[in-house]
Amino acid sequence: MTKKMVPVAAVLTAGLGLACDPTAQAVRSPAAVQATKAPTAICTGNDNGVDFRLGPGNDYPVPGRANRGQHLNFRGRQGNCVMGDLWGGPTGVWIHMAFLDY
Protein backbone atom coordinates (compact mmCIF):
# COMPACT_ATOMS: atom_id res chain seq x y z
CA MET A 1 0.00 0.00 0.00
CA THR A 2 1.46 3.36 -0.95
CA LYS A 3 0.65 6.61 0.79
CA LYS A 4 0.11 10.21 -0.26
CA MET A 5 2.58 12.67 1.22
CA VAL A 6 1.07 15.75 2.90
CA PRO A 7 2.76 18.57 4.82
CA VAL A 8 3.31 17.49 8.39
CA ALA A 9 2.12 20.86 9.64
CA ALA A 10 -1.38 20.10 8.36
CA VAL A 11 -1.53 16.91 10.43
CA LEU A 12 0.31 17.70 13.64
CA THR A 13 0.10 21.37 14.52
CA ALA A 14 -3.60 21.57 15.28
CA GLY A 15 -3.76 22.11 19.03
CA LEU A 16 -0.15 21.08 19.67
CA GLY A 17 1.58 24.46 19.44
CA LEU A 18 4.47 23.00 17.45
CA ALA A 19 6.58 24.92 14.97
CA CYS A 20 6.54 23.16 11.62
CA ASP A 21 8.21 23.72 8.27
CA PRO A 22 5.28 23.65 5.83
CA THR A 23 7.68 23.46 2.89
CA ALA A 24 9.18 20.14 3.99
CA GLN A 25 8.21 17.35 1.61
CA ALA A 26 9.24 13.76 1.15
CA VAL A 27 10.67 12.74 -2.21
CA ARG A 28 8.76 9.99 -3.98
CA SER A 29 8.91 8.56 -7.46
CA PRO A 30 6.17 9.78 -9.84
CA ALA A 31 4.73 6.26 -10.03
CA ALA A 32 4.41 6.09 -6.24
CA VAL A 33 2.71 9.49 -6.07
CA GLN A 34 0.12 8.51 -8.68
CA ALA A 35 -0.76 5.32 -6.82
CA THR A 36 -1.18 7.01 -3.42
CA LYS A 37 -4.43 6.93 -1.47
CA ALA A 38 -3.95 7.71 2.24
CA PRO A 39 -2.12 10.82 3.55
CA THR A 40 1.11 10.36 5.50
CA ALA A 41 3.05 12.86 7.56
CA ILE A 42 6.81 12.53 7.86
CA CYS A 43 8.69 13.18 11.10
CA THR A 44 12.49 13.29 11.36
CA GLY A 45 14.66 12.39 14.35
CA ASN A 46 16.50 15.36 15.84
CA ASP A 47 18.97 13.58 18.15
CA ASN A 48 21.18 10.48 18.19
CA GLY A 49 20.54 7.34 20.24
CA VAL A 50 16.85 8.02 20.86
CA ASP A 51 14.96 5.04 22.27
CA PHE A 52 11.96 3.86 20.32
CA ARG A 53 9.46 1.80 22.26
CA LEU A 54 6.72 -0.74 21.71
CA GLY A 55 4.16 1.51 23.40
CA PRO A 56 3.51 5.13 24.39
CA GLY A 57 5.43 5.39 27.65
CA ASN A 58 8.51 4.49 29.68
CA ASP A 59 6.96 1.21 30.84
CA TYR A 60 7.25 -0.32 27.35
CA PRO A 61 10.28 -2.27 26.07
CA VAL A 62 12.98 -0.54 23.99
CA PRO A 63 13.73 -2.74 20.94
CA GLY A 64 16.18 -0.21 19.47
CA ARG A 65 17.34 3.34 18.92
CA ALA A 66 16.93 5.93 16.18
CA ASN A 67 19.37 8.66 15.17
CA ARG A 68 19.25 12.21 13.85
CA GLY A 69 17.85 12.27 10.32
CA GLN A 70 15.89 9.00 10.67
CA HIS A 71 12.44 9.40 9.09
CA LEU A 72 9.22 8.13 10.60
CA ASN A 73 5.84 7.88 8.86
CA PHE A 74 3.39 9.36 11.38
CA ARG A 75 0.50 7.00 12.24
CA GLY A 76 -0.82 8.41 15.49
CA ARG A 77 -0.16 10.13 18.79
CA GLN A 78 -0.95 9.49 22.43
CA GLY A 79 0.08 12.10 24.98
CA ASN A 80 3.63 13.18 24.14
CA CYS A 81 4.44 10.06 22.12
CA VAL A 82 4.21 9.64 18.37
CA MET A 83 3.60 6.24 16.79
CA GLY A 84 4.80 5.41 13.31
CA ASP A 85 6.94 3.37 10.96
CA LEU A 86 10.69 3.96 10.75
CA TRP A 87 11.96 4.12 7.17
CA GLY A 88 13.98 0.97 6.57
CA GLY A 89 13.24 -0.29 10.08
CA PRO A 90 10.57 -1.45 12.51
CA THR A 91 6.94 -0.42 12.16
CA GLY A 92 4.49 0.61 14.87
CA VAL A 93 7.16 2.12 17.14
CA TRP A 94 6.70 4.98 19.58
CA ILE A 95 9.04 7.96 20.03
CA HIS A 96 8.65 10.93 22.38
CA MET A 97 7.74 13.98 20.32
CA ALA A 98 10.61 16.03 21.82
CA PHE A 99 12.99 13.90 19.72
CA LEU A 100 11.16 14.49 16.44
CA ASP A 101 10.98 17.41 14.04
CA TYR A 102 7.64 17.79 12.29
PDB file of N, CA and C in Angstrom:
ATOM      1  N   MET A   1       0.844  -1.171   0.000  1.00  0.00           N
ATOM      2  CA  MET A   1       0.000   0.000   0.000  1.00  0.00           C
ATOM      3  C   MET A   1       0.887   1.231   0.000  1.00  0.00           C
ATOM      4  N   THR A   2       0.688   2.134  -0.918  1.00  0.00           N
ATOM      5  CA  THR A   2       1.457   3.362  -0.954  1.00  0.00           C
ATOM      6  C   THR A   2       0.640   4.484  -0.343  1.00  0.00           C
ATOM      7  N   LYS A   3       1.321   5.547   0.055  1.00  0.00           N
ATOM      8  CA  LYS A   3       0.653   6.609   0.786  1.00  0.00           C
ATOM      9  C   LYS A   3       0.935   7.960   0.154  1.00  0.00           C
ATOM     10  N   LYS A   4      -0.041   8.860   0.238  1.00  0.00           N
ATOM     11  CA  LYS A   4       0.110  10.213  -0.262  1.00  0.00           C
ATOM     12  C   LYS A   4       0.847  11.056   0.774  1.00  0.00           C
ATOM     13  N   MET A   5       1.808  11.836   0.328  1.00  0.00           N
ATOM     14  CA  MET A   5       2.584  12.672   1.224  1.00  0.00           C
ATOM     15  C   MET A   5       1.867  14.018   1.384  1.00  0.00           C
ATOM     16  N   VAL A   6       1.666  14.456   2.629  1.00  0.00           N
ATOM     17  CA  VAL A   6       1.066  15.752   2.899  1.00  0.00           C
ATOM     18  C   VAL A   6       1.981  16.502   3.858  1.00  0.00           C
ATOM     19  N   PRO A   7       1.932  17.833   3.867  1.00  0.00           N
ATOM     20  CA  PRO A   7       2.764  18.574   4.815  1.00  0.00           C
ATOM     21  C   PRO A   7       2.442  18.153   6.242  1.00  0.00           C
ATOM     22  N   VAL A   8       3.479  17.923   7.013  1.00  0.00           N
ATOM     23  CA  VAL A   8       3.310  17.488   8.393  1.00  0.00           C
ATOM     24  C   VAL A   8       2.558  18.537   9.196  1.00  0.00           C
ATOM     25  N   ALA A   9       2.781  19.792   8.894  1.00  0.00           N
ATOM     26  CA  ALA A   9       2.121  20.862   9.638  1.00  0.00           C
ATOM     27  C   ALA A   9       0.607  20.707   9.611  1.00  0.00           C
ATOM     28  N   ALA A  10       0.072  20.250   8.498  1.00  0.00           N
ATOM     29  CA  ALA A  10      -1.375  20.097   8.360  1.00  0.00           C
ATOM     30  C   ALA A  10      -1.916  19.007   9.268  1.00  0.00           C
ATOM     31  N   VAL A  11      -1.088  18.042   9.622  1.00  0.00           N
ATOM     32  CA  VAL A  11      -1.535  16.911  10.427  1.00  0.00           C
ATOM     33  C   VAL A  11      -1.270  17.120  11.908  1.00  0.00           C
ATOM     34  N   LEU A  12      -0.116  17.702  12.247  1.00  0.00           N
ATOM     35  CA  LEU A  12       0.315  17.700  13.638  1.00  0.00           C
ATOM     36  C   LEU A  12       0.130  18.986  14.415  1.00  0.00           C
ATOM     37  N   THR A  13       0.083  20.118  13.777  1.00  0.00           N
ATOM     38  CA  THR A  13       0.099  21.371  14.524  1.00  0.00           C
ATOM     39  C   THR A  13      -1.220  21.720  15.184  1.00  0.00           C
ATOM     40  N   ALA A  14      -2.304  21.205  14.714  1.00  0.00           N
ATOM     41  CA  ALA A  14      -3.603  21.570  15.280  1.00  0.00           C
ATOM     42  C   ALA A  14      -3.650  21.255  16.771  1.00  0.00           C
ATOM     43  N   GLY A  15      -3.645  22.283  17.588  1.00  0.00           N
ATOM     44  CA  GLY A  15      -3.763  22.111  19.033  1.00  0.00           C
ATOM     45  C   GLY A  15      -2.485  21.703  19.737  1.00  0.00           C
ATOM     46  N   LEU A  16      -1.379  21.520  19.024  1.00  0.00           N
ATOM     47  CA  LEU A  16      -0.153  21.081  19.673  1.00  0.00           C
ATOM     48  C   LEU A  16       0.816  22.218  19.939  1.00  0.00           C
ATOM     49  N   GLY A  17       0.677  23.341  19.254  1.00  0.00           N
ATOM     50  CA  GLY A  17       1.581  24.464  19.445  1.00  0.00           C
ATOM     51  C   GLY A  17       2.983  24.181  18.969  1.00  0.00           C
ATOM     52  N   LEU A  18       3.149  23.344  17.952  1.00  0.00           N
ATOM     53  CA  LEU A  18       4.474  23.000  17.453  1.00  0.00           C
ATOM     54  C   LEU A  18       4.825  23.856  16.256  1.00  0.00           C
ATOM     55  N   ALA A  19       6.109  24.203  16.155  1.00  0.00           N
ATOM     56  CA  ALA A  19       6.580  24.919  14.969  1.00  0.00           C
ATOM     57  C   ALA A  19       6.878  23.888  13.899  1.00  0.00           C
ATOM     58  N   CYS A  20       6.352  24.104  12.714  1.00  0.00           N
ATOM     59  CA  CYS A  20       6.542  23.161  11.619  1.00  0.00           C
ATOM     60  C   CYS A  20       7.032  23.888  10.389  1.00  0.00           C
ATOM     61  N   ASP A  21       7.768  23.184   9.543  1.00  0.00           N
ATOM     62  CA  ASP A  21       8.213  23.719   8.272  1.00  0.00           C
ATOM     63  C   ASP A  21       7.235  23.236   7.211  1.00  0.00           C
ATOM     64  N   PRO A  22       6.296  24.089   6.782  1.00  0.00           N
ATOM     65  CA  PRO A  22       5.276  23.647   5.828  1.00  0.00           C
ATOM     66  C   PRO A  22       5.836  23.349   4.450  1.00  0.00           C
ATOM     67  N   THR A  23       7.094  23.730   4.197  1.00  0.00           N
ATOM     68  CA  THR A  23       7.680  23.458   2.888  1.00  0.00           C
ATOM     69  C   THR A  23       8.361  22.103   2.829  1.00  0.00           C
ATOM     70  N   ALA A  24       8.513  21.440   3.976  1.00  0.00           N
ATOM     71  CA  ALA A  24       9.181  20.135   3.995  1.00  0.00           C
ATOM     72  C   ALA A  24       8.320  19.100   3.288  1.00  0.00           C
ATOM     73  N   GLN A  25       8.932  18.366   2.362  1.00  0.00           N
ATOM     74  CA  GLN A  25       8.209  17.352   1.609  1.00  0.00           C
ATOM     75  C   GLN A  25       9.096  16.125   1.436  1.00  0.00           C
ATOM     76  N   ALA A  26       8.502  14.985   1.414  1.00  0.00           N
ATOM     77  CA  ALA A  26       9.238  13.756   1.147  1.00  0.00           C
ATOM     78  C   ALA A  26       9.365  13.599  -0.362  1.00  0.00           C
ATOM     79  N   VAL A  27      10.449  12.980  -0.787  1.00  0.00           N
ATOM     80  CA  VAL A  27      10.667  12.743  -2.211  1.00  0.00           C
ATOM     81  C   VAL A  27      10.169  11.347  -2.552  1.00  0.00           C
ATOM     82  N   ARG A  28       9.320  11.260  -3.539  1.00  0.00           N
ATOM     83  CA  ARG A  28       8.758   9.988  -3.982  1.00  0.00           C
ATOM     84  C   ARG A  28       8.858   9.912  -5.491  1.00  0.00           C
ATOM     85  N   SER A  29       8.907   8.717  -6.015  1.00  0.00           N
ATOM     86  CA  SER A  29       8.912   8.563  -7.465  1.00  0.00           C
ATOM     87  C   SER A  29       7.540   8.939  -8.017  1.00  0.00           C
ATOM     88  N   PRO A  30       7.468   9.417  -9.262  1.00  0.00           N
ATOM     89  CA  PRO A  30       6.167   9.782  -9.836  1.00  0.00           C
ATOM     90  C   PRO A  30       5.172   8.625  -9.818  1.00  0.00           C
ATOM     91  N   ALA A  31       5.641   7.411 -10.048  1.00  0.00           N
ATOM     92  CA  ALA A  31       4.731   6.260 -10.035  1.00  0.00           C
ATOM     93  C   ALA A  31       4.120   6.071  -8.652  1.00  0.00           C
ATOM     94  N   ALA A  32       4.916   6.254  -7.598  1.00  0.00           N
ATOM     95  CA  ALA A  32       4.411   6.088  -6.237  1.00  0.00           C
ATOM     96  C   ALA A  32       3.396   7.174  -5.904  1.00  0.00           C
ATOM     97  N   VAL A  33       3.630   8.401  -6.353  1.00  0.00           N
ATOM     98  CA  VAL A  33       2.708   9.494  -6.074  1.00  0.00           C
ATOM     99  C   VAL A  33       1.368   9.249  -6.755  1.00  0.00           C
ATOM    100  N   GLN A  34       1.369   8.762  -7.965  1.00  0.00           N
ATOM    101  CA  GLN A  34       0.120   8.506  -8.681  1.00  0.00           C
ATOM    102  C   GLN A  34      -0.702   7.411  -8.020  1.00  0.00           C
ATOM    103  N   ALA A  35      -0.055   6.459  -7.396  1.00  0.00           N
ATOM    104  CA  ALA A  35      -0.763   5.325  -6.818  1.00  0.00           C
ATOM    105  C   ALA A  35      -1.167   5.566  -5.364  1.00  0.00           C
ATOM    106  N   THR A  36      -0.920   6.766  -4.833  1.00  0.00           N
ATOM    107  CA  THR A  36      -1.183   7.014  -3.422  1.00  0.00           C
ATOM    108  C   THR A  36      -2.672   7.161  -3.136  1.00  0.00           C
ATOM    109  N   LYS A  37      -3.035   6.823  -1.883  1.00  0.00           N
ATOM    110  CA  LYS A  37      -4.428   6.931  -1.472  1.00  0.00           C
ATOM    111  C   LYS A  37      -4.570   7.607  -0.113  1.00  0.00           C
ATOM    112  N   ALA A  38      -3.801   7.176   0.892  1.00  0.00           N
ATOM    113  CA  ALA A  38      -3.946   7.708   2.237  1.00  0.00           C
ATOM    114  C   ALA A  38      -2.833   8.717   2.542  1.00  0.00           C
ATOM    115  N   PRO A  39      -3.151   9.843   3.227  1.00  0.00           N
ATOM    116  CA  PRO A  39      -2.116  10.820   3.553  1.00  0.00           C
ATOM    117  C   PRO A  39      -1.164  10.301   4.623  1.00  0.00           C
ATOM    118  N   THR A  40       0.093  10.724   4.523  1.00  0.00           N
ATOM    119  CA  THR A  40       1.108  10.358   5.496  1.00  0.00           C
ATOM    120  C   THR A  40       1.926  11.583   5.841  1.00  0.00           C
ATOM    121  N   ALA A  41       2.177  11.795   7.111  1.00  0.00           N
ATOM    122  CA  ALA A  41       3.051  12.865   7.558  1.00  0.00           C
ATOM    123  C   ALA A  41       4.401  12.252   7.886  1.00  0.00           C
ATOM    124  N   ILE A  42       5.455  13.006   7.614  1.00  0.00           N
ATOM    125  CA  ILE A  42       6.806  12.529   7.859  1.00  0.00           C
ATOM    126  C   ILE A  42       7.413  13.303   9.016  1.00  0.00           C
ATOM    127  N   CYS A  43       7.956  12.585   9.994  1.00  0.00           N
ATOM    128  CA  CYS A  43       8.690  13.176  11.097  1.00  0.00           C
ATOM    129  C   CYS A  43      10.155  12.775  10.923  1.00  0.00           C
ATOM    130  N   THR A  44      11.068  13.573  11.474  1.00  0.00           N
ATOM    131  CA  THR A  44      12.494  13.292  11.363  1.00  0.00           C
ATOM    132  C   THR A  44      13.133  13.370  12.740  1.00  0.00           C
ATOM    133  N   GLY A  45      13.956  12.390  13.068  1.00  0.00           N
ATOM    134  CA  GLY A  45      14.655  12.389  14.353  1.00  0.00           C
ATOM    135  C   GLY A  45      15.601  13.569  14.463  1.00  0.00           C
ATOM    136  N   ASN A  46      15.653  14.193  15.650  1.00  0.00           N
ATOM    137  CA  ASN A  46      16.498  15.364  15.838  1.00  0.00           C
ATOM    138  C   ASN A  46      17.649  15.145  16.820  1.00  0.00           C
ATOM    139  N   ASP A  47      17.892  13.889  17.222  1.00  0.00           N
ATOM    140  CA  ASP A  47      18.972  13.576  18.154  1.00  0.00           C
ATOM    141  C   ASP A  47      19.452  12.149  17.886  1.00  0.00           C
ATOM    142  N   ASN A  48      20.629  11.821  18.371  1.00  0.00           N
ATOM    143  CA  ASN A  48      21.184  10.479  18.188  1.00  0.00           C
ATOM    144  C   ASN A  48      20.901   9.595  19.402  1.00  0.00           C
ATOM    145  N   GLY A  49      20.734   8.308  19.174  1.00  0.00           N
ATOM    146  CA  GLY A  49      20.541   7.340  20.245  1.00  0.00           C
ATOM    147  C   GLY A  49      19.213   7.447  20.962  1.00  0.00           C
ATOM    148  N   VAL A  50      18.177   7.853  20.258  1.00  0.00           N
ATOM    149  CA  VAL A  50      16.851   8.017  20.862  1.00  0.00           C
ATOM    150  C   VAL A  50      16.141   6.663  20.914  1.00  0.00           C
ATOM    151  N   ASP A  51      15.694   6.297  22.107  1.00  0.00           N
ATOM    152  CA  ASP A  51      14.964   5.039  22.266  1.00  0.00           C
ATOM    153  C   ASP A  51      13.645   5.091  21.506  1.00  0.00           C
ATOM    154  N   PHE A  52      13.338   4.011  20.780  1.00  0.00           N
ATOM    155  CA  PHE A  52      11.960   3.855  20.320  1.00  0.00           C
ATOM    156  C   PHE A  52      11.389   2.675  21.076  1.00  0.00           C
ATOM    157  N   ARG A  53      10.113   2.768  21.373  1.00  0.00           N
ATOM    158  CA  ARG A  53       9.463   1.801  22.257  1.00  0.00           C
ATOM    159  C   ARG A  53       8.314   1.080  21.571  1.00  0.00           C
ATOM    160  N   LEU A  54       7.839   0.042  22.238  1.00  0.00           N
ATOM    161  CA  LEU A  54       6.723  -0.740  21.712  1.00  0.00           C
ATOM    162  C   LEU A  54       5.378  -0.205  22.171  1.00  0.00           C
ATOM    163  N   GLY A  55       5.380   0.886  22.923  1.00  0.00           N
ATOM    164  CA  GLY A  55       4.158   1.514  23.399  1.00  0.00           C
ATOM    165  C   GLY A  55       4.434   2.947  23.808  1.00  0.00           C
ATOM    166  N   PRO A  56       3.386   3.701  24.120  1.00  0.00           N
ATOM    167  CA  PRO A  56       3.514   5.130  24.392  1.00  0.00           C
ATOM    168  C   PRO A  56       3.871   5.479  25.835  1.00  0.00           C
ATOM    169  N   GLY A  57       5.023   5.044  26.296  1.00  0.00           N
ATOM    170  CA  GLY A  57       5.433   5.393  27.655  1.00  0.00           C
ATOM    171  C   GLY A  57       6.683   4.655  28.066  1.00  0.00           C
ATOM    172  N   ASN A  58       7.257   5.073  29.194  1.00  0.00           N
ATOM    173  CA  ASN A  58       8.509   4.491  29.680  1.00  0.00           C
ATOM    174  C   ASN A  58       8.381   3.053  30.165  1.00  0.00           C
ATOM    175  N   ASP A  59       7.164   2.570  30.357  1.00  0.00           N
ATOM    176  CA  ASP A  59       6.956   1.209  30.840  1.00  0.00           C
ATOM    177  C   ASP A  59       7.072   0.162  29.727  1.00  0.00           C
ATOM    178  N   TYR A  60       7.193   0.606  28.490  1.00  0.00           N
ATOM    179  CA  TYR A  60       7.250  -0.321  27.352  1.00  0.00           C
ATOM    180  C   TYR A  60       8.695  -0.641  26.978  1.00  0.00           C
ATOM    181  N   PRO A  61       8.927  -1.849  26.454  1.00  0.00           N
ATOM    182  CA  PRO A  61      10.283  -2.266  26.066  1.00  0.00           C
ATOM    183  C   PRO A  61      10.888  -1.375  24.978  1.00  0.00           C
ATOM    184  N   VAL A  62      12.217  -1.309  24.974  1.00  0.00           N
ATOM    185  CA  VAL A  62      12.977  -0.544  23.989  1.00  0.00           C
ATOM    186  C   VAL A  62      13.670  -1.542  23.053  1.00  0.00           C
ATOM    187  N   PRO A  63      13.101  -1.779  21.860  1.00  0.00           N
ATOM    188  CA  PRO A  63      13.726  -2.737  20.940  1.00  0.00           C
ATOM    189  C   PRO A  63      14.889  -2.146  20.146  1.00  0.00           C
ATOM    190  N   GLY A  64      15.078  -0.812  20.213  1.00  0.00           N
ATOM    191  CA  GLY A  64      16.179  -0.214  19.471  1.00  0.00           C
ATOM    192  C   GLY A  64      16.239   1.284  19.644  1.00  0.00           C
ATOM    193  N   ARG A  65      17.145   1.892  18.858  1.00  0.00           N
ATOM    194  CA  ARG A  65      17.342   3.339  18.924  1.00  0.00           C
ATOM    195  C   ARG A  65      17.344   3.931  17.524  1.00  0.00           C
ATOM    196  N   ALA A  66      16.918   5.184  17.441  1.00  0.00           N
ATOM    197  CA  ALA A  66      16.927   5.930  16.178  1.00  0.00           C
ATOM    198  C   ALA A  66      17.918   7.083  16.315  1.00  0.00           C
ATOM    199  N   ASN A  67      18.400   7.571  15.183  1.00  0.00           N
ATOM    200  CA  ASN A  67      19.368   8.658  15.167  1.00  0.00           C
ATOM    201  C   ASN A  67      18.850   9.866  14.409  1.00  0.00           C
ATOM    202  N   ARG A  68      19.567  10.956  14.563  1.00  0.00           N
ATOM    203  CA  ARG A  68      19.249  12.207  13.852  1.00  0.00           C
ATOM    204  C   ARG A  68      19.123  11.909  12.359  1.00  0.00           C
ATOM    205  N   GLY A  69      18.075  12.444  11.753  1.00  0.00           N
ATOM    206  CA  GLY A  69      17.850  12.266  10.325  1.00  0.00           C
ATOM    207  C   GLY A  69      16.994  11.060   9.968  1.00  0.00           C
ATOM    208  N   GLN A  70      16.748  10.161  10.923  1.00  0.00           N
ATOM    209  CA  GLN A  70      15.891   8.999  10.665  1.00  0.00           C
ATOM    210  C   GLN A  70      14.460   9.485  10.447  1.00  0.00           C
ATOM    211  N   HIS A  71      13.818   8.998   9.400  1.00  0.00           N
ATOM    212  CA  HIS A  71      12.442   9.403   9.085  1.00  0.00           C
ATOM    213  C   HIS A  71      11.445   8.400   9.647  1.00  0.00           C
ATOM    214  N   LEU A  72      10.302   8.923  10.020  1.00  0.00           N
ATOM    215  CA  LEU A  72       9.220   8.132  10.600  1.00  0.00           C
ATOM    216  C   LEU A  72       7.919   8.554   9.930  1.00  0.00           C
ATOM    217  N   ASN A  73       7.186   7.602   9.381  1.00  0.00           N
ATOM    218  CA  ASN A  73       5.843   7.883   8.859  1.00  0.00           C
ATOM    219  C   ASN A  73       4.891   7.952  10.046  1.00  0.00           C
ATOM    220  N   PHE A  74       4.315   9.124  10.268  1.00  0.00           N
ATOM    221  CA  PHE A  74       3.390   9.359  11.379  1.00  0.00           C
ATOM    222  C   PHE A  74       2.130   8.520  11.205  1.00  0.00           C
ATOM    223  N   ARG A  75       1.746   7.785  12.272  1.00  0.00           N
ATOM    224  CA  ARG A  75       0.504   7.004  12.243  1.00  0.00           C
ATOM    225  C   ARG A  75      -0.453   7.373  13.358  1.00  0.00           C
ATOM    226  N   GLY A  76       0.050   8.038  14.386  1.00  0.00           N
ATOM    227  CA  GLY A  76      -0.823   8.412  15.490  1.00  0.00           C
ATOM    228  C   GLY A  76      -0.050   9.040  16.625  1.00  0.00           C
ATOM    229  N   ARG A  77      -0.793   9.486  17.643  1.00  0.00           N
ATOM    230  CA  ARG A  77      -0.162  10.129  18.792  1.00  0.00           C
ATOM    231  C   ARG A  77      -0.985   9.834  20.030  1.00  0.00           C
ATOM    232  N   GLN A  78      -0.292   9.623  21.137  1.00  0.00           N
ATOM    233  CA  GLN A  78      -0.950   9.485  22.435  1.00  0.00           C
ATOM    234  C   GLN A  78      -0.102  10.254  23.432  1.00  0.00           C
ATOM    235  N   GLY A  79      -0.687  11.253  24.064  1.00  0.00           N
ATOM    236  CA  GLY A  79       0.076  12.099  24.978  1.00  0.00           C
ATOM    237  C   GLY A  79       1.225  12.762  24.237  1.00  0.00           C
ATOM    238  N   ASN A  80       2.442  12.595  24.753  1.00  0.00           N
ATOM    239  CA  ASN A  80       3.633  13.180  24.140  1.00  0.00           C
ATOM    240  C   ASN A  80       4.381  12.198  23.258  1.00  0.00           C
ATOM    241  N   CYS A  81       3.778  11.078  22.937  1.00  0.00           N
ATOM    242  CA  CYS A  81       4.441  10.062  22.125  1.00  0.00           C
ATOM    243  C   CYS A  81       3.802   9.965  20.744  1.00  0.00           C
ATOM    244  N   VAL A  82       4.656   9.787  19.746  1.00  0.00           N
ATOM    245  CA  VAL A  82       4.213   9.643  18.365  1.00  0.00           C
ATOM    246  C   VAL A  82       4.448   8.195  17.951  1.00  0.00           C
ATOM    247  N   MET A  83       3.464   7.596  17.281  1.00  0.00           N
ATOM    248  CA  MET A  83       3.597   6.241  16.786  1.00  0.00           C
ATOM    249  C   MET A  83       3.728   6.276  15.273  1.00  0.00           C
ATOM    250  N   GLY A  84       4.631   5.450  14.758  1.00  0.00           N
ATOM    251  CA  GLY A  84       4.801   5.406  13.315  1.00  0.00           C
ATOM    252  C   GLY A  84       5.730   4.306  12.870  1.00  0.00           C
ATOM    253  N   ASP A  85       6.086   4.379  11.598  1.00  0.00           N
ATOM    254  CA  ASP A  85       6.936   3.373  10.965  1.00  0.00           C
ATOM    255  C   ASP A  85       8.267   4.011  10.587  1.00  0.00           C
ATOM    256  N   LEU A  86       9.365   3.455  11.109  1.00  0.00           N
ATOM    257  CA  LEU A  86      10.690   3.960  10.750  1.00  0.00           C
ATOM    258  C   LEU A  86      11.024   3.538   9.336  1.00  0.00           C
ATOM    259  N   TRP A  87      11.545   4.455   8.543  1.00  0.00           N
ATOM    260  CA  TRP A  87      11.958   4.121   7.175  1.00  0.00           C
ATOM    261  C   TRP A  87      13.102   3.116   7.251  1.00  0.00           C
ATOM    262  N   GLY A  88      12.941   1.995   6.593  1.00  0.00           N
ATOM    263  CA  GLY A  88      13.976   0.966   6.574  1.00  0.00           C
ATOM    264  C   GLY A  88      14.140   0.252   7.903  1.00  0.00           C
ATOM    265  N   GLY A  89      13.135   0.332   8.764  1.00  0.00           N
ATOM    266  CA  GLY A  89      13.244  -0.287  10.082  1.00  0.00           C
ATOM    267  C   GLY A  89      11.904  -0.778  10.587  1.00  0.00           C
ATOM    268  N   PRO A  90      11.796  -0.928  11.907  1.00  0.00           N
ATOM    269  CA  PRO A  90      10.566  -1.445  12.506  1.00  0.00           C
ATOM    270  C   PRO A  90       9.357  -0.541  12.268  1.00  0.00           C
ATOM    271  N   THR A  91       8.200  -1.154  12.313  1.00  0.00           N
ATOM    272  CA  THR A  91       6.942  -0.424  12.162  1.00  0.00           C
ATOM    273  C   THR A  91       6.193  -0.433  13.487  1.00  0.00           C
ATOM    274  N   GLY A  92       5.310   0.541  13.660  1.00  0.00           N
ATOM    275  CA  GLY A  92       4.493   0.605  14.875  1.00  0.00           C
ATOM    276  C   GLY A  92       5.292   0.937  16.117  1.00  0.00           C
ATOM    277  N   VAL A  93       6.343   1.737  15.980  1.00  0.00           N
ATOM    278  CA  VAL A  93       7.161   2.115  17.138  1.00  0.00           C
ATOM    279  C   VAL A  93       6.715   3.466  17.667  1.00  0.00           C
ATOM    280  N   TRP A  94       7.077   3.748  18.901  1.00  0.00           N
ATOM    281  CA  TRP A  94       6.695   4.982  19.582  1.00  0.00           C
ATOM    282  C   TRP A  94       7.952   5.755  19.960  1.00  0.00           C
ATOM    283  N   ILE A  95       7.933   7.074  19.686  1.00  0.00           N
ATOM    284  CA  ILE A  95       9.041   7.963  20.029  1.00  0.00           C
ATOM    285  C   ILE A  95       8.463   9.218  20.676  1.00  0.00           C
ATOM    286  N   HIS A  96       9.110   9.695  21.742  1.00  0.00           N
ATOM    287  CA  HIS A  96       8.651  10.929  22.381  1.00  0.00           C
ATOM    288  C   HIS A  96       8.790  12.070  21.393  1.00  0.00           C
ATOM    289  N   MET A  97       7.778  12.922  21.320  1.00  0.00           N
ATOM    290  CA  MET A  97       7.738  13.982  20.316  1.00  0.00           C
ATOM    291  C   MET A  97       8.859  15.016  20.475  1.00  0.00           C
ATOM    292  N   ALA A  98       9.490  15.109  21.641  1.00  0.00           N
ATOM    293  CA  ALA A  98      10.608  16.027  21.824  1.00  0.00           C
ATOM    294  C   ALA A  98      11.800  15.652  20.942  1.00  0.00           C
ATOM    295  N   PHE A  99      11.872  14.384  20.530  1.00  0.00           N
ATOM    296  CA  PHE A  99      12.990  13.904  19.724  1.00  0.00           C
ATOM    297  C   PHE A  99      12.676  13.858  18.228  1.00  0.00           C
ATOM    298  N   LEU A 100      11.566  14.478  17.834  1.00  0.00           N
ATOM    299  CA  LEU A 100      11.159  14.485  16.435  1.00  0.00           C
ATOM    300  C   LEU A 100      10.911  15.906  15.958  1.00  0.00           C
ATOM    301  N   ASP A 101      11.335  16.169  14.714  1.00  0.00           N
ATOM    302  CA  ASP A 101      10.980  17.411  14.043  1.00  0.00           C
ATOM    303  C   ASP A 101       9.814  17.095  13.118  1.00  0.00           C
ATOM    304  N   TYR A 102       8.855  18.010  13.058  1.00  0.00           N
ATOM    305  CA  TYR A 102       7.641  17.789  12.294  1.00  0.00           C
ATOM    306  C   TYR A 102       7.638  18.626  11.044  1.00  0.00           C
TER     307      TYR A 102
END
